[in-house]
């Protein structure tokens, strides 16, 4: 079994705790569901936000997902590079998963305005 990265991103409507947590939870659940991931097989999750999002830590979203295994998934939050013209109000997720799937079998998930980040991967999902 190898390790694969699953990418995901979602935009939020506003810099509020509720919006960041609910959108991040939705994104993670979509990534897990579309890829049939067992939380026990997640090595770690890195979550970044654009500099305009600072109301809360988006990693709180993973702790709200049902199932005891989520309590043991290593999580880390960071801030994206502030590139001029970059997509605002965006949460990005990189999930490292132990899996036998090939790279082509991985479904990356881009929601709302985040589909603009990687339309080539969005069509694959």
N, C-alpha and C. Protein backbone atom coordinates (compact mmCIF):
# COMPACT_ATOMS: atom_id res chain seq x y z
N UNK A 1 0.85 -1.18 0.00
CA UNK A 1 0.00 0.00 0.00
C UNK A 1 0.89 1.24 0.00
N UNK A 2 0.54 2.21 -0.83
CA UNK A 2 1.30 3.45 -0.91
C UNK A 2 0.53 4.62 -0.32
N UNK A 3 1.11 5.79 -0.43
CA UNK A 3 0.48 7.02 0.05
C UNK A 3 0.14 7.89 -1.14
N UNK A 4 -1.07 8.41 -1.17
CA UNK A 4 -1.50 9.34 -2.22
C UNK A 4 -2.00 10.62 -1.58
N UNK A 5 -1.83 11.71 -2.29
CA UNK A 5 -2.38 12.98 -1.86
C UNK A 5 -3.70 13.23 -2.56
N UNK A 6 -4.69 13.66 -1.81
CA UNK A 6 -5.98 14.04 -2.38
C UNK A 6 -6.12 15.53 -2.15
N UNK A 7 -6.31 16.26 -3.24
CA UNK A 7 -6.44 17.72 -3.15
C UNK A 7 -7.90 18.12 -3.09
N UNK A 8 -8.13 19.23 -2.41
CA UNK A 8 -9.47 19.78 -2.36
C UNK A 8 -9.42 21.26 -2.03
N UNK A 9 -10.45 21.97 -2.43
CA UNK A 9 -10.55 23.39 -2.11
C UNK A 9 -12.00 23.82 -2.17
N UNK A 10 -12.32 24.82 -1.38
CA UNK A 10 -13.66 25.39 -1.36
C UNK A 10 -13.54 26.88 -1.02
N UNK A 11 -14.42 27.68 -1.58
CA UNK A 11 -14.47 29.08 -1.19
C UNK A 11 -15.59 29.25 -0.17
N UNK A 12 -15.46 30.29 0.64
CA UNK A 12 -16.48 30.61 1.64
C UNK A 12 -17.07 31.97 1.33
N UNK A 13 -18.25 32.21 1.87
CA UNK A 13 -18.94 33.48 1.61
C UNK A 13 -18.37 34.63 2.44
N UNK A 14 -17.89 34.31 3.67
CA UNK A 14 -17.42 35.37 4.56
C UNK A 14 -16.43 34.79 5.56
N UNK A 15 -15.64 35.64 6.16
CA UNK A 15 -14.66 35.25 7.17
C UNK A 15 -15.34 35.12 8.53
N UNK A 16 -16.14 34.07 8.68
CA UNK A 16 -16.79 33.79 9.96
C UNK A 16 -16.47 32.35 10.36
N UNK A 17 -16.49 32.09 11.66
CA UNK A 17 -16.21 30.75 12.16
C UNK A 17 -17.19 29.75 11.54
N UNK A 18 -18.46 30.07 11.56
CA UNK A 18 -19.48 29.16 11.04
C UNK A 18 -19.24 28.82 9.58
N UNK A 19 -18.98 29.81 8.76
CA UNK A 19 -18.78 29.60 7.33
C UNK A 19 -17.52 28.79 7.04
N UNK A 20 -16.43 29.10 7.74
CA UNK A 20 -15.17 28.37 7.52
C UNK A 20 -15.31 26.91 7.95
N UNK A 21 -15.86 26.69 9.12
CA UNK A 21 -15.98 25.32 9.64
C UNK A 21 -16.96 24.50 8.81
N UNK A 22 -18.13 25.04 8.51
CA UNK A 22 -19.12 24.27 7.75
C UNK A 22 -18.63 23.96 6.33
N UNK A 23 -17.98 24.91 5.70
CA UNK A 23 -17.48 24.68 4.33
C UNK A 23 -16.32 23.69 4.32
N UNK A 24 -15.44 23.78 5.32
CA UNK A 24 -14.32 22.84 5.40
C UNK A 24 -14.82 21.43 5.69
N UNK A 25 -15.79 21.31 6.56
CA UNK A 25 -16.38 20.00 6.88
C UNK A 25 -17.00 19.39 5.62
N UNK A 26 -17.75 20.18 4.89
CA UNK A 26 -18.36 19.72 3.63
C UNK A 26 -17.29 19.23 2.66
N UNK A 27 -16.22 20.01 2.51
CA UNK A 27 -15.14 19.65 1.61
C UNK A 27 -14.49 18.33 2.02
N UNK A 28 -14.13 18.20 3.28
CA UNK A 28 -13.48 16.97 3.74
C UNK A 28 -14.40 15.77 3.57
N UNK A 29 -15.66 15.92 3.89
CA UNK A 29 -16.61 14.81 3.72
C UNK A 29 -16.75 14.42 2.25
N UNK A 30 -16.73 15.40 1.35
CA UNK A 30 -16.79 15.11 -0.09
C UNK A 30 -15.52 14.38 -0.54
N UNK A 31 -14.37 14.81 -0.05
CA UNK A 31 -13.11 14.17 -0.43
C UNK A 31 -13.09 12.71 0.04
N UNK A 32 -13.53 12.48 1.26
CA UNK A 32 -13.57 11.13 1.83
C UNK A 32 -14.59 10.27 1.09
N UNK A 33 -15.77 10.81 0.85
CA UNK A 33 -16.83 10.06 0.18
C UNK A 33 -16.50 9.70 -1.25
N UNK A 34 -16.04 10.65 -2.02
CA UNK A 34 -15.74 10.40 -3.44
C UNK A 34 -14.58 9.43 -3.64
N UNK A 35 -13.71 9.36 -2.63
CA UNK A 35 -12.55 8.49 -2.73
C UNK A 35 -12.65 7.23 -1.86
N UNK A 36 -13.81 7.06 -1.23
CA UNK A 36 -14.06 5.90 -0.37
C UNK A 36 -12.93 5.70 0.64
N UNK A 37 -12.58 6.78 1.33
CA UNK A 37 -11.49 6.77 2.29
C UNK A 37 -12.01 6.40 3.68
N UNK A 38 -11.30 5.48 4.31
CA UNK A 38 -11.55 5.15 5.71
C UNK A 38 -10.68 6.09 6.53
N UNK A 39 -11.25 6.81 7.51
CA UNK A 39 -10.43 7.73 8.31
C UNK A 39 -9.19 7.07 8.93
N UNK A 40 -9.25 5.77 9.18
CA UNK A 40 -8.09 5.04 9.72
C UNK A 40 -6.92 5.05 8.74
N UNK A 41 -7.19 5.27 7.45
CA UNK A 41 -6.16 5.26 6.43
C UNK A 41 -5.60 6.65 6.12
N UNK A 42 -6.06 7.67 6.83
CA UNK A 42 -5.56 9.03 6.61
C UNK A 42 -4.30 9.22 7.45
N UNK A 43 -3.19 9.53 6.76
CA UNK A 43 -1.93 9.77 7.46
C UNK A 43 -1.88 11.14 8.09
N UNK A 44 -2.38 12.14 7.38
CA UNK A 44 -2.43 13.51 7.88
C UNK A 44 -3.22 14.38 6.92
N UNK A 45 -3.63 15.53 7.42
CA UNK A 45 -4.34 16.52 6.59
C UNK A 45 -3.71 17.89 6.87
N UNK A 46 -3.34 18.56 5.79
CA UNK A 46 -2.86 19.94 5.88
C UNK A 46 -3.95 20.82 5.29
N UNK A 47 -4.34 21.84 6.03
CA UNK A 47 -5.39 22.76 5.60
C UNK A 47 -4.81 24.17 5.58
N UNK A 48 -4.99 24.84 4.43
CA UNK A 48 -4.53 26.23 4.34
C UNK A 48 -5.71 27.15 4.05
N UNK A 49 -5.54 28.40 4.42
CA UNK A 49 -6.52 29.42 4.10
C UNK A 49 -5.81 30.60 3.45
N UNK A 50 -6.55 31.32 2.65
CA UNK A 50 -6.01 32.55 2.09
C UNK A 50 -5.91 33.57 3.24
N UNK A 51 -5.05 34.57 3.09
CA UNK A 51 -4.81 35.52 4.18
C UNK A 51 -6.06 36.28 4.66
N UNK A 52 -7.12 36.30 3.85
CA UNK A 52 -8.33 37.01 4.24
C UNK A 52 -9.25 36.18 5.14
N UNK A 53 -8.83 34.96 5.49
CA UNK A 53 -9.61 34.11 6.40
C UNK A 53 -8.83 33.90 7.70
N UNK A 54 -9.34 34.45 8.78
CA UNK A 54 -8.64 34.33 10.06
C UNK A 54 -9.60 34.21 11.25
N UNK A 55 -10.87 33.95 11.01
CA UNK A 55 -11.86 33.90 12.09
C UNK A 55 -11.72 32.66 12.97
N UNK A 56 -11.13 31.58 12.42
CA UNK A 56 -10.98 30.35 13.19
C UNK A 56 -10.02 29.40 12.48
N UNK A 57 -9.70 28.31 13.16
CA UNK A 57 -8.88 27.25 12.57
C UNK A 57 -9.81 26.31 11.81
N UNK A 58 -9.64 26.15 10.50
CA UNK A 58 -10.52 25.26 9.75
C UNK A 58 -10.39 23.79 10.13
N UNK A 59 -9.31 23.42 10.78
CA UNK A 59 -9.13 22.02 11.20
C UNK A 59 -10.21 21.58 12.19
N UNK A 60 -10.85 22.53 12.86
CA UNK A 60 -11.94 22.19 13.77
C UNK A 60 -13.02 21.39 13.05
N UNK A 61 -13.16 21.58 11.77
CA UNK A 61 -14.18 20.89 10.98
C UNK A 61 -14.01 19.38 11.03
N UNK A 62 -12.77 18.90 10.95
CA UNK A 62 -12.53 17.45 10.96
C UNK A 62 -12.93 16.84 12.30
N UNK A 63 -12.80 17.57 13.36
CA UNK A 63 -13.17 17.06 14.68
C UNK A 63 -14.69 16.94 14.85
N UNK A 64 -15.44 17.57 13.95
CA UNK A 64 -16.90 17.53 14.01
C UNK A 64 -17.48 16.37 13.19
N UNK A 65 -16.65 15.68 12.43
CA UNK A 65 -17.12 14.58 11.61
C UNK A 65 -17.33 13.36 12.50
N UNK A 66 -18.43 12.66 12.28
CA UNK A 66 -18.76 11.49 13.09
C UNK A 66 -17.73 10.39 12.92
N UNK A 67 -17.46 9.72 14.02
CA UNK A 67 -16.54 8.59 14.01
C UNK A 67 -15.34 8.84 14.90
N UNK A 68 -15.05 7.86 15.72
CA UNK A 68 -13.95 7.97 16.68
C UNK A 68 -12.60 8.20 16.01
N UNK A 69 -12.39 7.62 14.83
CA UNK A 69 -11.09 7.70 14.14
C UNK A 69 -10.68 9.14 13.85
N UNK A 70 -11.63 10.03 13.66
CA UNK A 70 -11.30 11.43 13.34
C UNK A 70 -10.55 12.12 14.46
N UNK A 71 -10.70 11.65 15.68
CA UNK A 71 -9.98 12.25 16.81
C UNK A 71 -8.48 12.02 16.71
N UNK A 72 -8.06 11.03 15.91
CA UNK A 72 -6.66 10.65 15.83
C UNK A 72 -5.98 11.05 14.53
N UNK A 73 -6.71 11.71 13.63
CA UNK A 73 -6.12 12.16 12.37
C UNK A 73 -5.27 13.41 12.64
N UNK A 74 -3.97 13.37 12.33
CA UNK A 74 -3.13 14.55 12.52
C UNK A 74 -3.55 15.68 11.56
N UNK A 75 -3.76 16.86 12.11
CA UNK A 75 -4.20 18.02 11.34
C UNK A 75 -3.25 19.18 11.53
N UNK A 76 -3.07 19.97 10.49
CA UNK A 76 -2.26 21.18 10.60
C UNK A 76 -2.87 22.27 9.73
N UNK A 77 -2.93 23.47 10.27
CA UNK A 77 -3.42 24.63 9.51
C UNK A 77 -2.23 25.53 9.17
N UNK A 78 -2.33 26.19 8.04
CA UNK A 78 -1.31 27.14 7.60
C UNK A 78 -1.98 28.18 6.71
N UNK A 79 -1.22 29.22 6.39
CA UNK A 79 -1.75 30.26 5.53
C UNK A 79 -1.14 30.14 4.14
N UNK A 80 -1.98 30.29 3.11
CA UNK A 80 -1.52 30.29 1.72
C UNK A 80 -0.67 31.53 1.45
N UNK A 81 0.14 31.44 0.44
CA UNK A 81 0.93 32.59 0.00
C UNK A 81 -0.01 33.65 -0.56
N UNK A 82 0.22 34.89 -0.21
CA UNK A 82 -0.62 36.00 -0.66
C UNK A 82 -0.20 36.44 -2.06
N UNK A 83 -0.60 35.69 -3.07
CA UNK A 83 -0.26 36.00 -4.45
C UNK A 83 -1.26 37.02 -4.99
N UNK A 84 -0.80 38.15 -5.55
CA UNK A 84 -1.73 39.13 -6.11
C UNK A 84 -2.62 38.49 -7.18
N UNK A 85 -3.91 38.73 -7.07
CA UNK A 85 -4.86 38.19 -8.03
C UNK A 85 -5.30 36.77 -7.73
N UNK A 86 -4.82 36.20 -6.62
CA UNK A 86 -5.19 34.84 -6.25
C UNK A 86 -6.65 34.77 -5.82
N UNK A 87 -7.21 33.58 -5.83
CA UNK A 87 -8.60 33.36 -5.45
C UNK A 87 -8.78 33.70 -3.97
N UNK A 88 -9.68 34.64 -3.64
CA UNK A 88 -9.89 35.01 -2.24
C UNK A 88 -10.84 34.06 -1.52
N UNK A 89 -10.85 34.17 -0.20
CA UNK A 89 -11.79 33.43 0.66
C UNK A 89 -11.78 31.94 0.37
N UNK A 90 -10.58 31.37 0.31
CA UNK A 90 -10.43 29.98 -0.11
C UNK A 90 -9.74 29.12 0.96
N UNK A 91 -10.32 27.95 1.19
CA UNK A 91 -9.73 26.93 2.06
C UNK A 91 -9.25 25.80 1.16
N UNK A 92 -8.00 25.39 1.34
CA UNK A 92 -7.44 24.29 0.56
C UNK A 92 -7.08 23.14 1.52
N UNK A 93 -7.25 21.93 1.03
CA UNK A 93 -6.95 20.74 1.83
C UNK A 93 -6.05 19.80 1.04
N UNK A 94 -5.03 19.29 1.72
CA UNK A 94 -4.19 18.22 1.17
C UNK A 94 -4.28 17.06 2.15
N UNK A 95 -4.93 16.00 1.71
CA UNK A 95 -5.14 14.82 2.54
C UNK A 95 -4.19 13.72 2.08
N UNK A 96 -3.37 13.21 2.99
CA UNK A 96 -2.43 12.13 2.69
C UNK A 96 -3.08 10.83 3.14
N UNK A 97 -3.28 9.91 2.17
CA UNK A 97 -4.05 8.70 2.43
C UNK A 97 -3.25 7.46 2.04
N UNK A 98 -3.28 6.46 2.90
CA UNK A 98 -2.71 5.15 2.58
C UNK A 98 -3.72 4.42 1.72
N UNK A 99 -3.33 4.08 0.50
CA UNK A 99 -4.28 3.47 -0.44
C UNK A 99 -3.56 2.66 -1.51
N UNK A 100 -4.29 1.74 -2.10
CA UNK A 100 -3.79 1.00 -3.24
C UNK A 100 -4.23 1.63 -4.56
N UNK A 101 -5.00 2.70 -4.50
CA UNK A 101 -5.48 3.35 -5.72
C UNK A 101 -4.33 3.98 -6.49
N UNK A 102 -4.48 4.03 -7.80
CA UNK A 102 -3.50 4.71 -8.65
C UNK A 102 -3.81 6.21 -8.63
N UNK A 103 -2.88 6.99 -9.12
CA UNK A 103 -3.08 8.44 -9.18
C UNK A 103 -4.31 8.80 -10.00
N UNK A 104 -4.56 8.05 -11.07
CA UNK A 104 -5.71 8.32 -11.93
C UNK A 104 -7.04 7.97 -11.25
N UNK A 105 -6.99 7.13 -10.24
CA UNK A 105 -8.21 6.73 -9.55
C UNK A 105 -8.60 7.70 -8.43
N UNK A 106 -7.73 8.64 -8.12
CA UNK A 106 -8.00 9.62 -7.07
C UNK A 106 -8.91 10.71 -7.62
N UNK A 107 -9.93 11.06 -6.84
CA UNK A 107 -10.87 12.12 -7.21
C UNK A 107 -10.59 13.36 -6.35
N UNK A 108 -10.02 14.37 -6.97
CA UNK A 108 -9.76 15.64 -6.29
C UNK A 108 -11.06 16.44 -6.31
N UNK A 109 -11.28 17.23 -5.27
CA UNK A 109 -12.57 17.88 -5.09
C UNK A 109 -12.41 19.40 -4.99
N UNK A 110 -13.04 20.11 -5.89
CA UNK A 110 -13.01 21.58 -5.89
C UNK A 110 -14.46 22.06 -5.92
N UNK A 111 -14.84 22.82 -4.89
CA UNK A 111 -16.22 23.25 -4.72
C UNK A 111 -16.36 24.76 -4.82
N UNK A 112 -17.54 25.19 -5.22
CA UNK A 112 -17.87 26.61 -5.40
C UNK A 112 -16.87 27.25 -6.37
N UNK A 113 -16.38 28.42 -6.03
CA UNK A 113 -15.47 29.15 -6.92
C UNK A 113 -14.11 28.48 -7.05
N UNK A 114 -13.80 27.56 -6.16
CA UNK A 114 -12.51 26.87 -6.20
C UNK A 114 -12.34 26.00 -7.44
N UNK A 115 -13.42 25.73 -8.16
CA UNK A 115 -13.28 24.96 -9.41
C UNK A 115 -12.35 25.68 -10.38
N UNK A 116 -12.18 26.98 -10.22
CA UNK A 116 -11.29 27.76 -11.08
C UNK A 116 -9.82 27.40 -10.88
N UNK A 117 -9.49 26.83 -9.72
CA UNK A 117 -8.10 26.53 -9.41
C UNK A 117 -7.53 25.42 -10.29
N UNK A 118 -8.30 24.37 -10.50
CA UNK A 118 -7.85 23.24 -11.30
C UNK A 118 -9.01 22.66 -12.09
N UNK A 119 -9.46 23.34 -13.13
CA UNK A 119 -10.58 22.80 -13.90
C UNK A 119 -10.26 21.45 -14.53
N UNK A 120 -8.99 21.19 -14.80
CA UNK A 120 -8.62 19.89 -15.36
C UNK A 120 -8.88 18.75 -14.36
N UNK A 121 -8.68 18.99 -13.09
CA UNK A 121 -8.97 17.98 -12.08
C UNK A 121 -10.44 17.93 -11.72
N UNK A 122 -11.11 19.05 -11.82
CA UNK A 122 -12.54 19.11 -11.51
C UNK A 122 -13.33 18.24 -12.46
N UNK A 123 -12.96 18.23 -13.72
CA UNK A 123 -13.65 17.40 -14.69
C UNK A 123 -13.44 15.93 -14.42
N UNK A 124 -12.36 15.59 -13.75
CA UNK A 124 -12.06 14.20 -13.41
C UNK A 124 -12.94 13.73 -12.25
N UNK A 125 -13.31 14.66 -11.35
CA UNK A 125 -14.05 14.29 -10.13
C UNK A 125 -15.45 13.84 -10.44
